Amino acid sequence: MQTLSPEWRETVLPDDPEHVREIVSSTGFFSQDEIDIAVELVVERLEKGIESGYYFIFAEVDGKTVGYTCFGPIPATQESYDLYWIAVHNDYRGAGIGKQLLAISEAVIRQLGGARVYIETSGRDQYNSTRAFYLHCAYTEAAVLTDFYAPGDAKYIYVKKI
């Protein structure tokens, strides 16, 4: 797929919970519980605003929301942010949207006073491409917690100083 140049927005809109559900579901990576959590964070942002601690970047192509990130400051830390979610609709994967979303999110985190971004992901084989993506985007593997999510499913933690 060719590289696309989406429109970007930070404003969370009332239809975004369903957009996020569709995006995350399309990947085939996440359980129903994980999908519900992704949607819950958008709803919390809509209900509480910035006090929720969740920030979003949405990617739109031809008026359709096709990808997003969710991130926020890590409580009780200085300059550390978690990237909670990054997902691109399966129909748009491979077009450079994820890399652009990550770069824009890092820029916003810097503007908010962040200096480090932490990302965690699963050790299951289906996440090999995800882990390779983070390494390709200059993240460092900081830790591996064996059997974290389930027996045989480690938690990989990546970090990048921005």
N, C-alpha and C. Protein backbone atom coordinates (compact mmCIF):
# COMPACT_ATOMS: atom_id res chain seq x y z
N MET A 1 0.85 -1.19 0.00
CA MET A 1 0.00 0.00 0.00
C MET A 1 0.89 1.24 0.00
N GLN A 2 0.49 2.24 -0.73
CA GLN A 2 1.26 3.48 -0.77
C GLN A 2 1.13 4.25 0.53
N THR A 3 2.10 5.11 0.80
CA THR A 3 2.04 5.95 1.99
C THR A 3 0.92 6.97 1.83
N LEU A 4 0.10 7.09 2.85
CA LEU A 4 -1.02 8.03 2.84
C LEU A 4 -0.68 9.25 3.68
N SER A 5 -1.36 10.35 3.39
CA SER A 5 -1.20 11.58 4.17
C SER A 5 -2.54 11.93 4.81
N PRO A 6 -2.81 11.35 5.96
CA PRO A 6 -4.09 11.60 6.62
C PRO A 6 -4.21 13.02 7.16
N GLU A 7 -5.41 13.37 7.51
CA GLU A 7 -5.69 14.57 8.31
C GLU A 7 -5.56 14.12 9.77
N TRP A 8 -5.11 15.03 10.63
CA TRP A 8 -4.89 14.70 12.04
C TRP A 8 -5.79 15.56 12.92
N ARG A 9 -6.25 14.99 14.00
CA ARG A 9 -7.00 15.79 14.98
C ARG A 9 -6.76 15.26 16.38
N GLU A 10 -6.83 16.18 17.33
CA GLU A 10 -6.68 15.84 18.75
C GLU A 10 -8.02 15.87 19.48
N THR A 11 -8.99 16.55 18.92
CA THR A 11 -10.29 16.66 19.55
C THR A 11 -11.00 15.32 19.52
N VAL A 12 -11.55 14.93 20.67
CA VAL A 12 -12.31 13.69 20.76
C VAL A 12 -13.78 14.02 20.49
N LEU A 13 -14.36 13.32 19.53
CA LEU A 13 -15.73 13.58 19.10
C LEU A 13 -16.67 12.47 19.60
N PRO A 14 -17.97 12.78 19.68
CA PRO A 14 -18.93 11.80 20.21
C PRO A 14 -18.95 10.45 19.47
N ASP A 15 -18.61 10.43 18.18
CA ASP A 15 -18.59 9.16 17.44
C ASP A 15 -17.30 8.37 17.63
N ASP A 16 -16.31 8.94 18.30
CA ASP A 16 -15.02 8.26 18.42
C ASP A 16 -15.03 6.95 19.19
N PRO A 17 -15.87 6.75 20.21
CA PRO A 17 -15.89 5.42 20.82
C PRO A 17 -16.17 4.31 19.78
N GLU A 18 -17.09 4.54 18.88
CA GLU A 18 -17.37 3.53 17.87
C GLU A 18 -16.27 3.44 16.83
N HIS A 19 -15.64 4.57 16.49
CA HIS A 19 -14.50 4.55 15.58
C HIS A 19 -13.38 3.70 16.17
N VAL A 20 -13.09 3.92 17.45
CA VAL A 20 -12.03 3.16 18.12
C VAL A 20 -12.40 1.68 18.17
N ARG A 21 -13.64 1.36 18.47
CA ARG A 21 -14.07 -0.04 18.49
C ARG A 21 -13.83 -0.69 17.13
N GLU A 22 -14.19 0.00 16.06
CA GLU A 22 -14.01 -0.55 14.71
C GLU A 22 -12.53 -0.72 14.38
N ILE A 23 -11.72 0.27 14.69
CA ILE A 23 -10.29 0.21 14.39
C ILE A 23 -9.64 -0.95 15.14
N VAL A 24 -9.83 -1.00 16.45
CA VAL A 24 -9.17 -2.02 17.28
C VAL A 24 -9.68 -3.41 16.92
N SER A 25 -10.98 -3.54 16.68
CA SER A 25 -11.54 -4.84 16.30
C SER A 25 -10.97 -5.33 14.97
N SER A 26 -10.76 -4.42 14.03
CA SER A 26 -10.32 -4.80 12.69
C SER A 26 -8.94 -5.44 12.68
N THR A 27 -8.12 -5.16 13.70
CA THR A 27 -6.75 -5.66 13.70
C THR A 27 -6.67 -7.16 13.93
N GLY A 28 -7.65 -7.71 14.64
CA GLY A 28 -7.61 -9.13 14.98
C GLY A 28 -6.64 -9.46 16.10
N PHE A 29 -6.06 -8.45 16.73
CA PHE A 29 -5.07 -8.65 17.79
C PHE A 29 -5.67 -8.72 19.18
N PHE A 30 -6.83 -8.11 19.39
CA PHE A 30 -7.27 -7.84 20.75
C PHE A 30 -8.51 -8.65 21.13
N SER A 31 -8.57 -9.02 22.42
CA SER A 31 -9.73 -9.71 22.97
C SER A 31 -10.87 -8.71 23.14
N GLN A 32 -12.06 -9.24 23.39
CA GLN A 32 -13.21 -8.36 23.62
C GLN A 32 -12.98 -7.46 24.83
N ASP A 33 -12.36 -7.99 25.88
CA ASP A 33 -12.06 -7.17 27.06
C ASP A 33 -11.13 -6.02 26.70
N GLU A 34 -10.11 -6.29 25.90
CA GLU A 34 -9.17 -5.24 25.50
C GLU A 34 -9.86 -4.19 24.63
N ILE A 35 -10.72 -4.64 23.73
CA ILE A 35 -11.47 -3.71 22.89
C ILE A 35 -12.35 -2.81 23.75
N ASP A 36 -13.01 -3.40 24.73
CA ASP A 36 -13.87 -2.62 25.64
C ASP A 36 -13.05 -1.58 26.41
N ILE A 37 -11.84 -1.95 26.83
CA ILE A 37 -10.97 -0.99 27.55
C ILE A 37 -10.59 0.16 26.64
N ALA A 38 -10.24 -0.13 25.39
CA ALA A 38 -9.88 0.94 24.44
C ALA A 38 -11.03 1.93 24.30
N VAL A 39 -12.24 1.41 24.16
CA VAL A 39 -13.42 2.27 24.02
C VAL A 39 -13.68 3.04 25.31
N GLU A 40 -13.50 2.38 26.45
CA GLU A 40 -13.73 3.00 27.75
C GLU A 40 -12.86 4.25 27.95
N LEU A 41 -11.63 4.22 27.46
CA LEU A 41 -10.74 5.37 27.62
C LEU A 41 -11.24 6.57 26.82
N VAL A 42 -11.81 6.31 25.65
CA VAL A 42 -12.37 7.40 24.83
C VAL A 42 -13.59 7.99 25.53
N VAL A 43 -14.44 7.12 26.06
CA VAL A 43 -15.64 7.57 26.78
C VAL A 43 -15.24 8.39 27.99
N GLU A 44 -14.22 7.94 28.71
CA GLU A 44 -13.78 8.69 29.89
C GLU A 44 -13.29 10.08 29.49
N ARG A 45 -12.56 10.17 28.38
CA ARG A 45 -12.10 11.48 27.90
C ARG A 45 -13.29 12.37 27.54
N LEU A 46 -14.29 11.80 26.88
CA LEU A 46 -15.48 12.58 26.54
C LEU A 46 -16.20 13.08 27.79
N GLU A 47 -16.26 12.24 28.81
CA GLU A 47 -16.98 12.60 30.04
C GLU A 47 -16.21 13.56 30.94
N LYS A 48 -14.89 13.36 31.06
CA LYS A 48 -14.09 14.13 32.02
C LYS A 48 -13.20 15.19 31.39
N GLY A 49 -13.07 15.16 30.08
CA GLY A 49 -12.17 16.11 29.43
C GLY A 49 -10.73 15.81 29.77
N ILE A 50 -9.91 16.84 29.79
CA ILE A 50 -8.48 16.69 30.02
C ILE A 50 -8.18 16.11 31.40
N GLU A 51 -9.09 16.28 32.34
CA GLU A 51 -8.89 15.72 33.69
C GLU A 51 -8.81 14.20 33.67
N SER A 52 -9.26 13.58 32.60
CA SER A 52 -9.17 12.13 32.47
C SER A 52 -7.72 11.67 32.43
N GLY A 53 -6.82 12.54 31.97
CA GLY A 53 -5.43 12.18 31.81
C GLY A 53 -5.13 11.49 30.50
N TYR A 54 -6.14 11.35 29.63
CA TYR A 54 -5.97 10.67 28.35
C TYR A 54 -5.97 11.69 27.22
N TYR A 55 -4.98 11.58 26.37
CA TYR A 55 -4.84 12.41 25.18
C TYR A 55 -4.96 11.50 23.96
N PHE A 56 -5.48 12.05 22.88
CA PHE A 56 -5.69 11.26 21.66
C PHE A 56 -5.21 12.01 20.44
N ILE A 57 -4.74 11.25 19.47
CA ILE A 57 -4.49 11.72 18.12
C ILE A 57 -5.26 10.77 17.20
N PHE A 58 -6.05 11.34 16.31
CA PHE A 58 -6.81 10.53 15.35
C PHE A 58 -6.32 10.82 13.94
N ALA A 59 -6.27 9.77 13.13
CA ALA A 59 -5.90 9.87 11.72
C ALA A 59 -7.16 9.65 10.89
N GLU A 60 -7.40 10.56 9.95
CA GLU A 60 -8.57 10.45 9.09
C GLU A 60 -8.14 10.47 7.63
N VAL A 61 -8.71 9.57 6.86
CA VAL A 61 -8.48 9.50 5.42
C VAL A 61 -9.83 9.60 4.74
N ASP A 62 -9.97 10.60 3.88
CA ASP A 62 -11.24 10.82 3.17
C ASP A 62 -12.43 10.86 4.13
N GLY A 63 -12.24 11.52 5.27
CA GLY A 63 -13.31 11.69 6.25
C GLY A 63 -13.57 10.50 7.14
N LYS A 64 -12.82 9.42 6.98
CA LYS A 64 -13.00 8.22 7.79
C LYS A 64 -11.87 8.13 8.81
N THR A 65 -12.22 7.89 10.08
CA THR A 65 -11.23 7.72 11.13
C THR A 65 -10.63 6.33 10.99
N VAL A 66 -9.31 6.28 10.71
CA VAL A 66 -8.66 5.00 10.37
C VAL A 66 -7.55 4.60 11.34
N GLY A 67 -7.20 5.46 12.27
CA GLY A 67 -6.16 5.13 13.23
C GLY A 67 -6.18 6.11 14.38
N TYR A 68 -5.51 5.71 15.47
CA TYR A 68 -5.46 6.61 16.62
C TYR A 68 -4.37 6.19 17.59
N THR A 69 -4.01 7.12 18.44
CA THR A 69 -3.19 6.84 19.61
C THR A 69 -3.90 7.40 20.83
N CYS A 70 -3.61 6.78 21.97
CA CYS A 70 -4.06 7.27 23.27
C CYS A 70 -2.84 7.24 24.18
N PHE A 71 -2.58 8.35 24.85
CA PHE A 71 -1.41 8.45 25.71
C PHE A 71 -1.71 9.39 26.86
N GLY A 72 -0.84 9.35 27.86
CA GLY A 72 -1.02 10.26 28.98
C GLY A 72 0.15 10.20 29.93
N PRO A 73 0.24 11.21 30.80
CA PRO A 73 1.32 11.23 31.79
C PRO A 73 1.17 10.08 32.77
N ILE A 74 2.30 9.53 33.19
CA ILE A 74 2.27 8.44 34.17
C ILE A 74 2.19 9.09 35.55
N PRO A 75 1.13 8.79 36.32
CA PRO A 75 0.97 9.41 37.64
C PRO A 75 2.21 9.20 38.52
N ALA A 76 2.53 10.23 39.29
CA ALA A 76 3.62 10.21 40.27
C ALA A 76 5.00 10.11 39.63
N THR A 77 5.11 10.50 38.35
CA THR A 77 6.42 10.56 37.69
C THR A 77 6.63 11.98 37.17
N GLN A 78 7.86 12.27 36.81
CA GLN A 78 8.18 13.54 36.16
C GLN A 78 8.61 13.24 34.73
N GLU A 79 7.92 13.84 33.78
CA GLU A 79 8.29 13.79 32.36
C GLU A 79 8.10 12.43 31.70
N SER A 80 7.41 11.48 32.34
CA SER A 80 7.20 10.15 31.77
C SER A 80 5.75 10.00 31.32
N TYR A 81 5.59 9.47 30.10
CA TYR A 81 4.28 9.27 29.50
C TYR A 81 4.14 7.82 29.05
N ASP A 82 2.93 7.30 29.17
CA ASP A 82 2.58 6.00 28.61
C ASP A 82 1.89 6.20 27.27
N LEU A 83 2.26 5.40 26.29
CA LEU A 83 1.46 5.28 25.08
C LEU A 83 0.58 4.07 25.33
N TYR A 84 -0.70 4.32 25.62
CA TYR A 84 -1.62 3.24 25.98
C TYR A 84 -2.07 2.46 24.76
N TRP A 85 -2.35 3.16 23.68
CA TRP A 85 -2.87 2.51 22.47
C TRP A 85 -2.31 3.18 21.23
N ILE A 86 -2.00 2.37 20.26
CA ILE A 86 -1.77 2.83 18.90
C ILE A 86 -2.35 1.73 18.02
N ALA A 87 -3.25 2.12 17.14
CA ALA A 87 -3.89 1.14 16.27
C ALA A 87 -4.30 1.82 14.97
N VAL A 88 -4.15 1.06 13.89
CA VAL A 88 -4.57 1.49 12.57
C VAL A 88 -5.50 0.43 12.02
N HIS A 89 -6.61 0.87 11.44
CA HIS A 89 -7.57 -0.06 10.85
C HIS A 89 -6.84 -0.99 9.89
N ASN A 90 -7.19 -2.25 9.94
CA ASN A 90 -6.51 -3.26 9.14
C ASN A 90 -6.47 -2.91 7.65
N ASP A 91 -7.50 -2.26 7.14
CA ASP A 91 -7.55 -1.88 5.72
C ASP A 91 -6.52 -0.81 5.36
N TYR A 92 -5.93 -0.15 6.36
CA TYR A 92 -5.00 0.95 6.12
C TYR A 92 -3.59 0.66 6.65
N ARG A 93 -3.37 -0.54 7.17
CA ARG A 93 -2.04 -0.90 7.67
C ARG A 93 -1.05 -0.97 6.52
N GLY A 94 0.19 -0.62 6.82
CA GLY A 94 1.24 -0.67 5.81
C GLY A 94 1.34 0.59 4.98
N ALA A 95 0.57 1.61 5.32
CA ALA A 95 0.57 2.86 4.56
C ALA A 95 1.31 3.98 5.28
N GLY A 96 2.03 3.65 6.36
CA GLY A 96 2.80 4.65 7.08
C GLY A 96 2.03 5.43 8.12
N ILE A 97 0.76 5.10 8.32
CA ILE A 97 -0.07 5.86 9.26
C ILE A 97 0.40 5.65 10.70
N GLY A 98 0.74 4.41 11.06
CA GLY A 98 1.19 4.14 12.42
C GLY A 98 2.45 4.92 12.77
N LYS A 99 3.39 4.95 11.85
CA LYS A 99 4.64 5.67 12.08
C LYS A 99 4.37 7.17 12.24
N GLN A 100 3.48 7.70 11.41
CA GLN A 100 3.12 9.12 11.52
C GLN A 100 2.39 9.40 12.82
N LEU A 101 1.47 8.52 13.21
CA LEU A 101 0.74 8.69 14.47
C LEU A 101 1.71 8.72 15.65
N LEU A 102 2.68 7.82 15.63
CA LEU A 102 3.64 7.75 16.73
C LEU A 102 4.47 9.03 16.78
N ALA A 103 4.95 9.49 15.64
CA ALA A 103 5.76 10.71 15.60
C ALA A 103 4.97 11.93 16.08
N ILE A 104 3.72 12.05 15.67
CA ILE A 104 2.89 13.17 16.11
C ILE A 104 2.61 13.08 17.60
N SER A 105 2.35 11.89 18.09
CA SER A 105 2.10 11.70 19.53
C SER A 105 3.33 12.09 20.33
N GLU A 106 4.52 11.70 19.86
CA GLU A 106 5.75 12.08 20.55
C GLU A 106 5.93 13.60 20.57
N ALA A 107 5.59 14.26 19.47
CA ALA A 107 5.70 15.72 19.42
C ALA A 107 4.75 16.38 20.42
N VAL A 108 3.52 15.86 20.51
CA VAL A 108 2.56 16.41 21.47
C VAL A 108 3.04 16.15 22.90
N ILE A 109 3.55 14.97 23.15
CA ILE A 109 4.07 14.65 24.49
C ILE A 109 5.19 15.61 24.86
N ARG A 110 6.09 15.91 23.92
CA ARG A 110 7.16 16.89 24.18
C ARG A 110 6.56 18.25 24.53
N GLN A 111 5.53 18.66 23.77
CA GLN A 111 4.88 19.96 24.04
C GLN A 111 4.25 19.99 25.42
N LEU A 112 3.80 18.82 25.90
CA LEU A 112 3.18 18.73 27.22
C LEU A 112 4.21 18.61 28.34
N GLY A 113 5.50 18.59 27.98
CA GLY A 113 6.56 18.51 28.98
C GLY A 113 7.12 17.12 29.18
N GLY A 114 6.72 16.17 28.36
CA GLY A 114 7.23 14.80 28.47
C GLY A 114 8.62 14.67 27.89
N ALA A 115 9.40 13.78 28.48
CA ALA A 115 10.75 13.52 27.99
C ALA A 115 10.98 12.05 27.67
N ARG A 116 10.11 11.18 28.16
CA ARG A 116 10.23 9.74 27.91
C ARG A 116 8.85 9.16 27.62
N VAL A 117 8.83 8.23 26.66
CA VAL A 117 7.59 7.54 26.33
C VAL A 117 7.81 6.06 26.59
N TYR A 118 6.86 5.45 27.30
CA TYR A 118 6.88 4.02 27.60
C TYR A 118 5.74 3.35 26.85
N ILE A 119 6.05 2.18 26.31
CA ILE A 119 5.05 1.39 25.59
C ILE A 119 5.19 -0.05 26.06
N GLU A 120 4.07 -0.70 26.26
CA GLU A 120 4.11 -2.13 26.59
C GLU A 120 3.30 -2.91 25.57
N THR A 121 3.73 -4.15 25.34
CA THR A 121 3.01 -5.02 24.42
C THR A 121 3.25 -6.47 24.80
N SER A 122 2.52 -7.32 24.17
CA SER A 122 2.55 -8.75 24.44
C SER A 122 3.76 -9.43 23.80
N GLY A 123 4.16 -10.54 24.37
CA GLY A 123 5.23 -11.35 23.83
C GLY A 123 4.75 -12.45 22.90
N ARG A 124 3.43 -12.54 22.68
CA ARG A 124 2.92 -13.57 21.76
C ARG A 124 3.46 -13.34 20.35
N ASP A 125 3.57 -14.44 19.61
CA ASP A 125 4.12 -14.37 18.26
C ASP A 125 3.39 -13.39 17.36
N GLN A 126 2.08 -13.26 17.51
CA GLN A 126 1.34 -12.36 16.63
C GLN A 126 1.79 -10.90 16.82
N TYR A 127 2.49 -10.61 17.91
CA TYR A 127 2.99 -9.26 18.17
C TYR A 127 4.43 -9.06 17.71
N ASN A 128 5.00 -10.02 16.99
CA ASN A 128 6.37 -9.85 16.47
C ASN A 128 6.50 -8.58 15.65
N SER A 129 5.53 -8.33 14.77
CA SER A 129 5.60 -7.13 13.93
C SER A 129 5.44 -5.87 14.77
N THR A 130 4.65 -5.92 15.82
CA THR A 130 4.47 -4.77 16.70
C THR A 130 5.78 -4.44 17.40
N ARG A 131 6.43 -5.46 17.94
CA ARG A 131 7.71 -5.23 18.63
C ARG A 131 8.77 -4.72 17.66
N ALA A 132 8.78 -5.26 16.45
CA ALA A 132 9.74 -4.78 15.43
C ALA A 132 9.44 -3.33 15.07
N PHE A 133 8.16 -2.96 15.02
CA PHE A 133 7.77 -1.58 14.71
C PHE A 133 8.35 -0.62 15.75
N TYR A 134 8.22 -0.95 17.04
CA TYR A 134 8.74 -0.07 18.08
C TYR A 134 10.26 0.06 17.98
N LEU A 135 10.94 -1.04 17.73
CA LEU A 135 12.40 -0.98 17.57
C LEU A 135 12.76 -0.12 16.36
N HIS A 136 12.02 -0.28 15.27
CA HIS A 136 12.26 0.51 14.05
C HIS A 136 12.06 2.01 14.31
N CYS A 137 11.17 2.33 15.24
CA CYS A 137 10.88 3.74 15.57
C CYS A 137 11.77 4.26 16.69
N ALA A 138 12.90 3.59 16.92
CA ALA A 138 13.94 4.03 17.86
C ALA A 138 13.58 3.85 19.33
N TYR A 139 12.66 2.94 19.63
CA TYR A 139 12.39 2.58 21.01
C TYR A 139 13.38 1.50 21.42
N THR A 140 13.71 1.46 22.70
CA THR A 140 14.62 0.47 23.26
C THR A 140 13.82 -0.49 24.12
N GLU A 141 14.13 -1.77 24.00
CA GLU A 141 13.50 -2.77 24.86
C GLU A 141 14.07 -2.60 26.26
N ALA A 142 13.25 -2.16 27.20
CA ALA A 142 13.72 -1.85 28.55
C ALA A 142 13.54 -3.01 29.51
N ALA A 143 12.52 -3.85 29.27
CA ALA A 143 12.27 -4.97 30.19
C ALA A 143 11.36 -5.99 29.53
N VAL A 144 11.50 -7.21 29.99
CA VAL A 144 10.61 -8.30 29.59
C VAL A 144 10.17 -8.98 30.88
N LEU A 145 8.88 -8.97 31.12
CA LEU A 145 8.31 -9.60 32.31
C LEU A 145 7.67 -10.93 31.89
N THR A 146 8.32 -12.02 32.22
CA THR A 146 7.88 -13.34 31.81
C THR A 146 6.52 -13.68 32.40
N ASP A 147 5.69 -14.32 31.61
CA ASP A 147 4.37 -14.82 32.05
C ASP A 147 3.49 -13.72 32.64
N PHE A 148 3.64 -12.49 32.19
CA PHE A 148 2.90 -11.38 32.76
C PHE A 148 1.40 -11.46 32.45
N TYR A 149 1.05 -11.55 31.16
CA TYR A 149 -0.36 -11.55 30.76
C TYR A 149 -1.00 -12.91 30.99
N ALA A 150 -0.21 -13.95 30.79
CA ALA A 150 -0.67 -15.33 30.96
C ALA A 150 0.57 -16.22 30.88
N PRO A 151 0.47 -17.46 31.30
CA PRO A 151 1.64 -18.34 31.13
C PRO A 151 2.08 -18.36 29.67
N GLY A 152 3.36 -18.07 29.45
CA GLY A 152 3.90 -18.04 28.10
C GLY A 152 3.70 -16.73 27.37
N ASP A 153 3.08 -15.75 28.00
CA ASP A 153 2.83 -14.45 27.36
C ASP A 153 3.48 -13.34 28.18
N ALA A 154 4.67 -12.97 27.76
CA ALA A 154 5.45 -11.94 28.46
C ALA A 154 4.94 -10.55 28.15
N LYS A 155 5.29 -9.63 29.00
CA LYS A 155 5.05 -8.21 28.77
C LYS A 155 6.38 -7.59 28.37
N TYR A 156 6.42 -6.97 27.19
CA TYR A 156 7.60 -6.25 26.72
C TYR A 156 7.37 -4.77 26.97
N ILE A 157 8.36 -4.12 27.55
CA ILE A 157 8.27 -2.68 27.82
C ILE A 157 9.36 -1.99 27.00
N TYR A 158 8.94 -0.99 26.26
CA TYR A 158 9.85 -0.20 25.43
C TYR A 158 9.86 1.23 25.93
N VAL A 159 10.98 1.91 25.71
CA VAL A 159 11.12 3.29 26.14
C VAL A 159 11.88 4.07 25.07
N LYS A 160 11.53 5.34 24.98
CA LYS A 160 12.25 6.25 24.08
C LYS A 160 12.35 7.60 24.76
N LYS A 161 13.56 8.14 24.78
CA LYS A 161 13.75 9.50 25.27
C LYS A 161 13.49 10.43 24.10
N ILE A 162 12.60 11.40 24.31
CA ILE A 162 12.22 12.30 23.22
C ILE A 162 12.66 13.73 23.49
